[in-house]
Amino acid sequence: MATFLYVILVVALVTLSTS
């Protein structure tokens, strides 16, 4: 469960950084 939330957090940060 924690891993899933961590993955979502990383994806969100990468998306914001890219845009």
Foldseek 3Di string as FASTA:
>chain_A
DVVVVVVVVVVVVVVVVVD
